[in-house]
Amino acid sequence: MSAAPQLPKHPTPDEAVLNDLETLLIALDMHPMFMRQSFKILRANLRDMKADHLPPDTRVLKERFAAMQDDELLSAWAALHNPFRLQDRA
């Protein structure tokens, strides 16, 4: 039996960070409302996925999120999937 995942150590990111992450994931065809992937896959994609086709501002977002510490990125990733945040989009 595996242990339950630990809660992120960072507080929930502000809405601007969540909007930036969502914008990036949409640009990478990894929209969080449609694609629930594991955090390890998200981390690998952010580090390894080519971003040459993206506009410069989106490439900056990719580099920013790829450079985040795991617990900080996990907090943002988890907050994107918060059903209370998404309820007005359904």
PDB file of N, CA and C in Angstrom:
ATOM      1  N   MET A   1       0.850  -1.171   0.000  1.00  0.00           N
ATOM      2  CA  MET A   1       0.000   0.000   0.000  1.00  0.00           C
ATOM      3  C   MET A   1       0.900   1.239   0.000  1.00  0.00           C
ATOM      4  N   SER A   2       0.674   2.129  -0.937  1.00  0.00           N
ATOM      5  CA  SER A   2       1.516   3.319  -1.019  1.00  0.00           C
ATOM      6  C   SER A   2       0.979   4.411  -0.101  1.00  0.00           C
ATOM      7  N   ALA A   3       1.893   5.244   0.327  1.00  0.00           N
ATOM      8  CA  ALA A   3       1.513   6.349   1.209  1.00  0.00           C
ATOM      9  C   ALA A   3       0.768   7.413   0.419  1.00  0.00           C
ATOM     10  N   ALA A   4      -0.094   8.120   1.095  1.00  0.00           N
ATOM     11  CA  ALA A   4      -0.837   9.214   0.452  1.00  0.00           C
ATOM     12  C   ALA A   4       0.139  10.320   0.082  1.00  0.00           C
ATOM     13  N   PRO A   5      -0.092  10.981  -1.063  1.00  0.00           N
ATOM     14  CA  PRO A   5       0.817  12.061  -1.444  1.00  0.00           C
ATOM     15  C   PRO A   5       0.779  13.192  -0.430  1.00  0.00           C
ATOM     16  N   GLN A   6       1.936  13.804  -0.229  1.00  0.00           N
ATOM     17  CA  GLN A   6       2.007  14.921   0.706  1.00  0.00           C
ATOM     18  C   GLN A   6       1.403  16.157   0.063  1.00  0.00           C
ATOM     19  N   LEU A   7       0.809  16.997   0.885  1.00  0.00           N
ATOM     20  CA  LEU A   7       0.259  18.252   0.397  1.00  0.00           C
ATOM     21  C   LEU A   7       1.400  19.188   0.019  1.00  0.00           C
ATOM     22  N   PRO A   8       1.198  19.995  -1.013  1.00  0.00           N
ATOM     23  CA  PRO A   8       2.244  20.941  -1.400  1.00  0.00           C
ATOM     24  C   PRO A   8       2.599  21.881  -0.251  1.00  0.00           C
ATOM     25  N   LYS A   9       3.869  22.263  -0.196  1.00  0.00           N
ATOM     26  CA  LYS A   9       4.327  23.148   0.866  1.00  0.00           C
ATOM     27  C   LYS A   9       4.057  24.608   0.541  1.00  0.00           C
ATOM     28  N   HIS A  10       3.872  24.915  -0.730  1.00  0.00           N
ATOM     29  CA  HIS A  10       3.598  26.297  -1.130  1.00  0.00           C
ATOM     30  C   HIS A  10       2.110  26.586  -0.995  1.00  0.00           C
ATOM     31  N   PRO A  11       1.760  27.822  -0.680  1.00  0.00           N
ATOM     32  CA  PRO A  11       0.338  28.182  -0.657  1.00  0.00           C
ATOM     33  C   PRO A  11      -0.228  28.150  -2.071  1.00  0.00           C
ATOM     34  N   THR A  12      -1.538  28.140  -2.177  1.00  0.00           N
ATOM     35  CA  THR A  12      -2.173  28.164  -3.490  1.00  0.00           C
ATOM     36  C   THR A  12      -1.716  29.416  -4.232  1.00  0.00           C
ATOM     37  N   PRO A  13      -1.241  29.234  -5.458  1.00  0.00           N
ATOM     38  CA  PRO A  13      -0.772  30.398  -6.227  1.00  0.00           C
ATOM     39  C   PRO A  13      -1.913  31.362  -6.526  1.00  0.00           C
ATOM     40  N   ASP A  14      -1.558  32.606  -6.799  1.00  0.00           N
ATOM     41  CA  ASP A  14      -2.597  33.576  -7.122  1.00  0.00           C
ATOM     42  C   ASP A  14      -3.151  33.302  -8.519  1.00  0.00           C
ATOM     43  N   GLU A  15      -4.248  33.942  -8.823  1.00  0.00           N
ATOM     44  CA  GLU A  15      -4.974  33.687 -10.073  1.00  0.00           C
ATOM     45  C   GLU A  15      -4.121  33.987 -11.303  1.00  0.00           C
ATOM     46  N   ALA A  16      -3.241  34.974 -11.224  1.00  0.00           N
ATOM     47  CA  ALA A  16      -2.388  35.311 -12.369  1.00  0.00           C
ATOM     48  C   ALA A  16      -1.461  34.151 -12.720  1.00  0.00           C
ATOM     49  N   VAL A  17      -0.900  33.489 -11.706  1.00  0.00           N
ATOM     50  CA  VAL A  17      -0.028  32.339 -11.949  1.00  0.00           C
ATOM     51  C   VAL A  17      -0.834  31.208 -12.570  1.00  0.00           C
ATOM     52  N   LEU A  18      -2.029  30.971 -12.043  1.00  0.00           N
ATOM     53  CA  LEU A  18      -2.872  29.906 -12.590  1.00  0.00           C
ATOM     54  C   LEU A  18      -3.268  30.204 -14.029  1.00  0.00           C
ATOM     55  N   ASN A  19      -3.591  31.452 -14.319  1.00  0.00           N
ATOM     56  CA  ASN A  19      -3.936  31.824 -15.693  1.00  0.00           C
ATOM     57  C   ASN A  19      -2.749  31.638 -16.629  1.00  0.00           C
ATOM     58  N   ASP A  20      -1.549  31.991 -16.166  1.00  0.00           N
ATOM     59  CA  ASP A  20      -0.350  31.792 -16.986  1.00  0.00           C
ATOM     60  C   ASP A  20      -0.107  30.311 -17.257  1.00  0.00           C
ATOM     61  N   LEU A  21      -0.258  29.479 -16.225  1.00  0.00           N
ATOM     62  CA  LEU A  21      -0.057  28.045 -16.416  1.00  0.00           C
ATOM     63  C   LEU A  21      -1.102  27.482 -17.364  1.00  0.00           C
ATOM     64  N   GLU A  22      -2.336  27.894 -17.208  1.00  0.00           N
ATOM     65  CA  GLU A  22      -3.391  27.416 -18.096  1.00  0.00           C
ATOM     66  C   GLU A  22      -3.131  27.858 -19.540  1.00  0.00           C
ATOM     67  N   THR A  23      -2.701  29.094 -19.739  1.00  0.00           N
ATOM     68  CA  THR A  23      -2.367  29.587 -21.080  1.00  0.00           C
ATOM     69  C   THR A  23      -1.271  28.739 -21.703  1.00  0.00           C
ATOM     70  N   LEU A  24      -0.246  28.434 -20.930  1.00  0.00           N
ATOM     71  CA  LEU A  24       0.851  27.610 -21.423  1.00  0.00           C
ATOM     72  C   LEU A  24       0.374  26.213 -21.790  1.00  0.00           C
ATOM     73  N   LEU A  25      -0.415  25.601 -20.920  1.00  0.00           N
ATOM     74  CA  LEU A  25      -0.881  24.240 -21.185  1.00  0.00           C
ATOM     75  C   LEU A  25      -1.775  24.185 -22.419  1.00  0.00           C
ATOM     76  N   ILE A  26      -2.579  25.200 -22.632  1.00  0.00           N
ATOM     77  CA  ILE A  26      -3.409  25.257 -23.835  1.00  0.00           C
ATOM     78  C   ILE A  26      -2.511  25.354 -25.066  1.00  0.00           C
ATOM     79  N   ALA A  27      -1.495  26.200 -25.015  1.00  0.00           N
ATOM     80  CA  ALA A  27      -0.573  26.363 -26.143  1.00  0.00           C
ATOM     81  C   ALA A  27       0.172  25.066 -26.453  1.00  0.00           C
ATOM     82  N   LEU A  28       0.423  24.261 -25.428  1.00  0.00           N
ATOM     83  CA  LEU A  28       1.124  22.986 -25.607  1.00  0.00           C
ATOM     84  C   LEU A  28       0.164  21.821 -25.846  1.00  0.00           C
ATOM     85  N   ASP A  29      -1.113  22.114 -26.071  1.00  0.00           N
ATOM     86  CA  ASP A  29      -2.153  21.087 -26.243  1.00  0.00           C
ATOM     87  C   ASP A  29      -2.235  20.158 -25.045  1.00  0.00           C
ATOM     88  N   MET A  30      -2.089  20.720 -23.858  1.00  0.00           N
ATOM     89  CA  MET A  30      -2.162  19.958 -22.612  1.00  0.00           C
ATOM     90  C   MET A  30      -3.182  20.604 -21.682  1.00  0.00           C
ATOM     91  N   HIS A  31      -4.302  21.071 -22.228  1.00  0.00           N
ATOM     92  CA  HIS A  31      -5.285  21.811 -21.430  1.00  0.00           C
ATOM     93  C   HIS A  31      -5.747  20.987 -20.238  1.00  0.00           C
ATOM     94  N   PRO A  32      -5.696  21.557 -19.032  1.00  0.00           N
ATOM     95  CA  PRO A  32      -6.009  20.790 -17.828  1.00  0.00           C
ATOM     96  C   PRO A  32      -7.460  20.345 -17.704  1.00  0.00           C
ATOM     97  N   MET A  33      -8.402  21.025 -18.371  1.00  0.00           N
ATOM     98  CA  MET A  33      -9.796  20.600 -18.261  1.00  0.00           C
ATOM     99  C   MET A  33     -10.037  19.310 -19.040  1.00  0.00           C
ATOM    100  N   PHE A  34      -9.195  19.023 -20.021  1.00  0.00           N
ATOM    101  CA  PHE A  34      -9.406  17.864 -20.872  1.00  0.00           C
ATOM    102  C   PHE A  34      -8.361  16.780 -20.672  1.00  0.00           C
ATOM    103  N   MET A  35      -7.258  17.113 -20.076  1.00  0.00           N
ATOM    104  CA  MET A  35      -6.148  16.170 -19.973  1.00  0.00           C
ATOM    105  C   MET A  35      -5.634  16.135 -18.545  1.00  0.00           C
ATOM    106  N   ARG A  36      -6.033  15.142 -17.809  1.00  0.00           N
ATOM    107  CA  ARG A  36      -5.563  14.989 -16.433  1.00  0.00           C
ATOM    108  C   ARG A  36      -4.390  14.012 -16.464  1.00  0.00           C
ATOM    109  N   GLN A  37      -3.201  14.535 -16.484  1.00  0.00           N
ATOM    110  CA  GLN A  37      -2.019  13.697 -16.522  1.00  0.00           C
ATOM    111  C   GLN A  37      -1.321  13.732 -15.173  1.00  0.00           C
ATOM    112  N   SER A  38      -0.422  12.802 -14.992  1.00  0.00           N
ATOM    113  CA  SER A  38       0.296  12.787 -13.722  1.00  0.00           C
ATOM    114  C   SER A  38       1.270  13.964 -13.662  1.00  0.00           C
ATOM    115  N   PHE A  39       1.627  14.333 -12.455  1.00  0.00           N
ATOM    116  CA  PHE A  39       2.547  15.455 -12.279  1.00  0.00           C
ATOM    117  C   PHE A  39       3.901  15.146 -12.902  1.00  0.00           C
ATOM    118  N   LYS A  40       4.347  13.903 -12.803  1.00  0.00           N
ATOM    119  CA  LYS A  40       5.651  13.542 -13.379  1.00  0.00           C
ATOM    120  C   LYS A  40       5.663  13.757 -14.886  1.00  0.00           C
ATOM    121  N   ILE A  41       4.553  13.451 -15.549  1.00  0.00           N
ATOM    122  CA  ILE A  41       4.465  13.673 -16.993  1.00  0.00           C
ATOM    123  C   ILE A  41       4.452  15.168 -17.283  1.00  0.00           C
ATOM    124  N   LEU A  42       3.706  15.929 -16.506  1.00  0.00           N
ATOM    125  CA  LEU A  42       3.699  17.383 -16.675  1.00  0.00           C
ATOM    126  C   LEU A  42       5.110  17.934 -16.537  1.00  0.00           C
ATOM    127  N   ARG A  43       5.808  17.544 -15.498  1.00  0.00           N
ATOM    128  CA  ARG A  43       7.175  18.027 -15.257  1.00  0.00           C
ATOM    129  C   ARG A  43       8.083  17.680 -16.438  1.00  0.00           C
ATOM    130  N   ALA A  44       8.025  16.439 -16.898  1.00  0.00           N
ATOM    131  CA  ALA A  44       8.869  16.022 -18.026  1.00  0.00           C
ATOM    132  C   ALA A  44       8.529  16.804 -19.290  1.00  0.00           C
ATOM    133  N   ASN A  45       7.241  16.993 -19.553  1.00  0.00           N
ATOM    134  CA  ASN A  45       6.834  17.745 -20.741  1.00  0.00           C
ATOM    135  C   ASN A  45       7.315  19.192 -20.683  1.00  0.00           C
ATOM    136  N   LEU A  46       7.207  19.816 -19.541  1.00  0.00           N
ATOM    137  CA  LEU A  46       7.645  21.204 -19.426  1.00  0.00           C
ATOM    138  C   LEU A  46       9.151  21.337 -19.623  1.00  0.00           C
ATOM    139  N   ARG A  47       9.898  20.349 -19.193  1.00  0.00           N
ATOM    140  CA  ARG A  47      11.353  20.408 -19.346  1.00  0.00           C
ATOM    141  C   ARG A  47      11.800  20.033 -20.755  1.00  0.00           C
ATOM    142  N   ASP A  48      11.128  19.056 -21.371  1.00  0.00           N
ATOM    143  CA  ASP A  48      11.644  18.462 -22.603  1.00  0.00           C
ATOM    144  C   ASP A  48      10.925  18.871 -23.881  1.00  0.00           C
ATOM    145  N   MET A  49       9.705  19.354 -23.779  1.00  0.00           N
ATOM    146  CA  MET A  49       8.928  19.666 -24.974  1.00  0.00           C
ATOM    147  C   MET A  49       9.526  20.859 -25.706  1.00  0.00           C
ATOM    148  N   LYS A  50       9.637  20.737 -27.018  1.00  0.00           N
ATOM    149  CA  LYS A  50      10.135  21.839 -27.850  1.00  0.00           C
ATOM    150  C   LYS A  50       9.112  22.970 -27.845  1.00  0.00           C
ATOM    151  N   ALA A  51       9.610  24.195 -27.799  1.00  0.00           N
ATOM    152  CA  ALA A  51       8.724  25.359 -27.760  1.00  0.00           C
ATOM    153  C   ALA A  51       9.007  26.321 -28.906  1.00  0.00           C
ATOM    154  N   ASP A  52       9.741  25.863 -29.915  1.00  0.00           N
ATOM    155  CA  ASP A  52      10.119  26.738 -31.027  1.00  0.00           C
ATOM    156  C   ASP A  52       8.913  27.312 -31.755  1.00  0.00           C
ATOM    157  N   HIS A  53       7.821  26.558 -31.802  1.00  0.00           N
ATOM    158  CA  HIS A  53       6.627  26.984 -32.537  1.00  0.00           C
ATOM    159  C   HIS A  53       5.768  27.984 -31.756  1.00  0.00           C
ATOM    160  N   LEU A  54       6.102  28.208 -30.504  1.00  0.00           N
ATOM    161  CA  LEU A  54       5.292  29.079 -29.652  1.00  0.00           C
ATOM    162  C   LEU A  54       5.705  30.540 -29.795  1.00  0.00           C
ATOM    163  N   PRO A  55       4.760  31.454 -29.571  1.00  0.00           N
ATOM    164  CA  PRO A  55       5.118  32.878 -29.550  1.00  0.00           C
ATOM    165  C   PRO A  55       6.117  33.147 -28.413  1.00  0.00           C
ATOM    166  N   PRO A  56       6.906  34.203 -28.535  1.00  0.00           N
ATOM    167  CA  PRO A  56       7.934  34.488 -27.514  1.00  0.00           C
ATOM    168  C   PRO A  56       7.391  34.583 -26.087  1.00  0.00           C
ATOM    169  N   ASP A  57       6.230  35.205 -25.894  1.00  0.00           N
ATOM    170  CA  ASP A  57       5.704  35.331 -24.530  1.00  0.00           C
ATOM    171  C   ASP A  57       5.316  33.977 -23.947  1.00  0.00           C
ATOM    172  N   THR A  58       4.873  33.057 -24.788  1.00  0.00           N
ATOM    173  CA  THR A  58       4.523  31.715 -24.313  1.00  0.00           C
ATOM    174  C   THR A  58       5.784  30.905 -24.030  1.00  0.00           C
ATOM    175  N   ARG A  59       6.835  31.109 -24.807  1.00  0.00           N
ATOM    176  CA  ARG A  59       8.117  30.440 -24.524  1.00  0.00           C
ATOM    177  C   ARG A  59       8.657  30.885 -23.165  1.00  0.00           C
ATOM    178  N   VAL A  60       8.465  32.161 -22.849  1.00  0.00           N
ATOM    179  CA  VAL A  60       8.893  32.671 -21.540  1.00  0.00           C
ATOM    180  C   VAL A  60       8.114  31.967 -20.426  1.00  0.00           C
ATOM    181  N   LEU A  61       6.808  31.781 -20.623  1.00  0.00           N
ATOM    182  CA  LEU A  61       6.000  31.054 -19.630  1.00  0.00           C
ATOM    183  C   LEU A  61       6.511  29.630 -19.462  1.00  0.00           C
ATOM    184  N   LYS A  62       6.824  28.965 -20.563  1.00  0.00           N
ATOM    185  CA  LYS A  62       7.315  27.583 -20.498  1.00  0.00           C
ATOM    186  C   LYS A  62       8.601  27.517 -19.680  1.00  0.00           C
ATOM    187  N   GLU A  63       9.516  28.424 -19.954  1.00  0.00           N
ATOM    188  CA  GLU A  63      10.774  28.435 -19.207  1.00  0.00           C
ATOM    189  C   GLU A  63      10.535  28.730 -17.727  1.00  0.00           C
ATOM    190  N   ARG A  64       9.619  29.631 -17.454  1.00  0.00           N
ATOM    191  CA  ARG A  64       9.304  29.985 -16.060  1.00  0.00           C
ATOM    192  C   ARG A  64       8.764  28.786 -15.291  1.00  0.00           C
ATOM    193  N   PHE A  65       7.797  28.086 -15.877  1.00  0.00           N
ATOM    194  CA  PHE A  65       7.207  26.950 -15.173  1.00  0.00           C
ATOM    195  C   PHE A  65       8.146  25.747 -15.157  1.00  0.00           C
ATOM    196  N   ALA A  66       8.953  25.582 -16.192  1.00  0.00           N
ATOM    197  CA  ALA A  66       9.924  24.486 -16.203  1.00  0.00           C
ATOM    198  C   ALA A  66      10.977  24.675 -15.110  1.00  0.00           C
ATOM    199  N   ALA A  67      11.275  25.927 -14.774  1.00  0.00           N
ATOM    200  CA  ALA A  67      12.289  26.218 -13.763  1.00  0.00           C
ATOM    201  C   ALA A  67      11.749  26.184 -12.332  1.00  0.00           C
ATOM    202  N   MET A  68      10.438  26.118 -12.169  1.00  0.00           N
ATOM    203  CA  MET A  68       9.854  26.102 -10.819  1.00  0.00           C
ATOM    204  C   MET A  68      10.258  24.839 -10.068  1.00  0.00           C
ATOM    205  N   GLN A  69      10.351  24.979  -8.760  1.00  0.00           N
ATOM    206  CA  GLN A  69      10.571  23.804  -7.920  1.00  0.00           C
ATOM    207  C   GLN A  69       9.332  22.919  -7.978  1.00  0.00           C
ATOM    208  N   ASP A  70       9.534  21.627  -7.763  1.00  0.00           N
ATOM    209  CA  ASP A  70       8.432  20.671  -7.874  1.00  0.00           C
ATOM    210  C   ASP A  70       7.242  21.031  -6.997  1.00  0.00           C
ATOM    211  N   ASP A  71       7.493  21.380  -5.736  1.00  0.00           N
ATOM    212  CA  ASP A  71       6.353  21.641  -4.847  1.00  0.00           C
ATOM    213  C   ASP A  71       5.583  22.892  -5.265  1.00  0.00           C
ATOM    214  N   GLU A  72       6.265  23.873  -5.809  1.00  0.00           N
ATOM    215  CA  GLU A  72       5.592  25.087  -6.274  1.00  0.00           C
ATOM    216  C   GLU A  72       4.750  24.802  -7.522  1.00  0.00           C
ATOM    217  N   LEU A  73       5.323  24.045  -8.468  1.00  0.00           N
ATOM    218  CA  LEU A  73       4.583  23.685  -9.677  1.00  0.00           C
ATOM    219  C   LEU A  73       3.411  22.765  -9.336  1.00  0.00           C
ATOM    220  N   LEU A  74       3.619  21.839  -8.410  1.00  0.00           N
ATOM    221  CA  LEU A  74       2.540  20.944  -7.995  1.00  0.00           C
ATOM    222  C   LEU A  74       1.387  21.732  -7.373  1.00  0.00           C
ATOM    223  N   SER A  75       1.688  22.757  -6.608  1.00  0.00           N
ATOM    224  CA  SER A  75       0.627  23.597  -6.033  1.00  0.00           C
ATOM    225  C   SER A  75      -0.207  24.248  -7.127  1.00  0.00           C
ATOM    226  N   ALA A  76       0.462  24.777  -8.141  1.00  0.00           N
ATOM    227  CA  ALA A  76      -0.261  25.414  -9.249  1.00  0.00           C
ATOM    228  C   ALA A  76      -1.055  24.384 -10.038  1.00  0.00           C
ATOM    229  N   TRP A  77      -0.462  23.230 -10.302  1.00  0.00           N
ATOM    230  CA  TRP A  77      -1.124  22.161 -11.053  1.00  0.00           C
ATOM    231  C   TRP A  77      -2.364  21.679 -10.306  1.00  0.00           C
ATOM    232  N   ALA A  78      -2.238  21.488  -9.008  1.00  0.00           N
ATOM    233  CA  ALA A  78      -3.380  21.041  -8.206  1.00  0.00           C
ATOM    234  C   ALA A  78      -4.467  22.111  -8.169  1.00  0.00           C
ATOM    235  N   ALA A  79      -4.081  23.365  -8.059  1.00  0.00           N
ATOM    236  CA  ALA A  79      -5.065  24.449  -8.010  1.00  0.00           C
ATOM    237  C   ALA A  79      -5.841  24.562  -9.316  1.00  0.00           C
ATOM    238  N   LEU A  80      -5.195  24.250 -10.441  1.00  0.00           N
ATOM    239  CA  LEU A  80      -5.909  24.282 -11.722  1.00  0.00           C
ATOM    240  C   LEU A  80      -7.055  23.282 -11.748  1.00  0.00           C
ATOM    241  N   HIS A  81      -6.909  22.200 -11.003  1.00  0.00           N
ATOM    242  CA  HIS A  81      -7.923  21.145 -11.001  1.00  0.00           C
ATOM    243  C   HIS A  81      -8.907  21.267  -9.845  1.00  0.00           C
ATOM    244  N   ASN A  82      -8.852  22.365  -9.130  1.00  0.00           N
ATOM    245  CA  ASN A  82      -9.786  22.599  -8.036  1.00  0.00           C
ATOM    246  C   ASN A  82     -11.187  22.774  -8.626  1.00  0.00           C
ATOM    247  N   PRO A  83     -12.137  21.908  -8.260  1.00  0.00           N
ATOM    248  CA  PRO A  83     -13.475  22.001  -8.852  1.00  0.00           C
ATOM    249  C   PRO A  83     -14.179  23.326  -8.562  1.00  0.00           C
ATOM    250  N   PHE A  84     -13.872  23.961  -7.445  1.00  0.00           N
ATOM    251  CA  PHE A  84     -14.498  25.248  -7.144  1.00  0.00           C
ATOM    252  C   PHE A  84     -13.995  26.333  -8.091  1.00  0.00           C
ATOM    253  N   ARG A  85     -12.751  26.225  -8.521  1.00  0.00           N
ATOM    254  CA  ARG A  85     -12.208  27.186  -9.485  1.00  0.00           C
ATOM    255  C   ARG A  85     -12.828  26.974 -10.861  1.00  0.00           C
ATOM    256  N   LEU A  86     -13.135  25.735 -11.189  1.00  0.00           N
ATOM    257  CA  LEU A  86     -13.628  25.406 -12.524  1.00  0.00           C
ATOM    258  C   LEU A  86     -15.146  25.448 -12.643  1.00  0.00           C
ATOM    259  N   GLN A  87     -15.869  25.611 -11.546  1.00  0.00           N
ATOM    260  CA  GLN A  87     -17.328  25.485 -11.591  1.00  0.00           C
ATOM    261  C   GLN A  87     -17.995  26.499 -12.510  1.00  0.00           C
ATOM    262  N   ASP A  88     -17.422  27.684 -12.668  1.00  0.00           N
ATOM    263  CA  ASP A  88     -18.047  28.679 -13.538  1.00  0.00           C
ATOM    264  C   ASP A  88     -17.747  28.450 -15.015  1.00  0.00           C
ATOM    265  N   ARG A  89     -16.939  27.439 -15.322  1.00  0.00           N
ATOM    266  CA  ARG A  89     -16.579  27.156 -16.712  1.00  0.00           C
ATOM    267  C   ARG A  89     -17.367  26.002 -17.301  1.00  0.00           C
ATOM    268  N   ALA A  90     -18.099  25.308 -16.482  1.00  0.00           N
ATOM    269  CA  ALA A  90     -18.825  24.126 -16.966  1.00  0.00           C
ATOM    270  C   ALA A  90     -20.032  24.505 -17.790  1.00  0.00           C
TER     271      ALA A  90
END
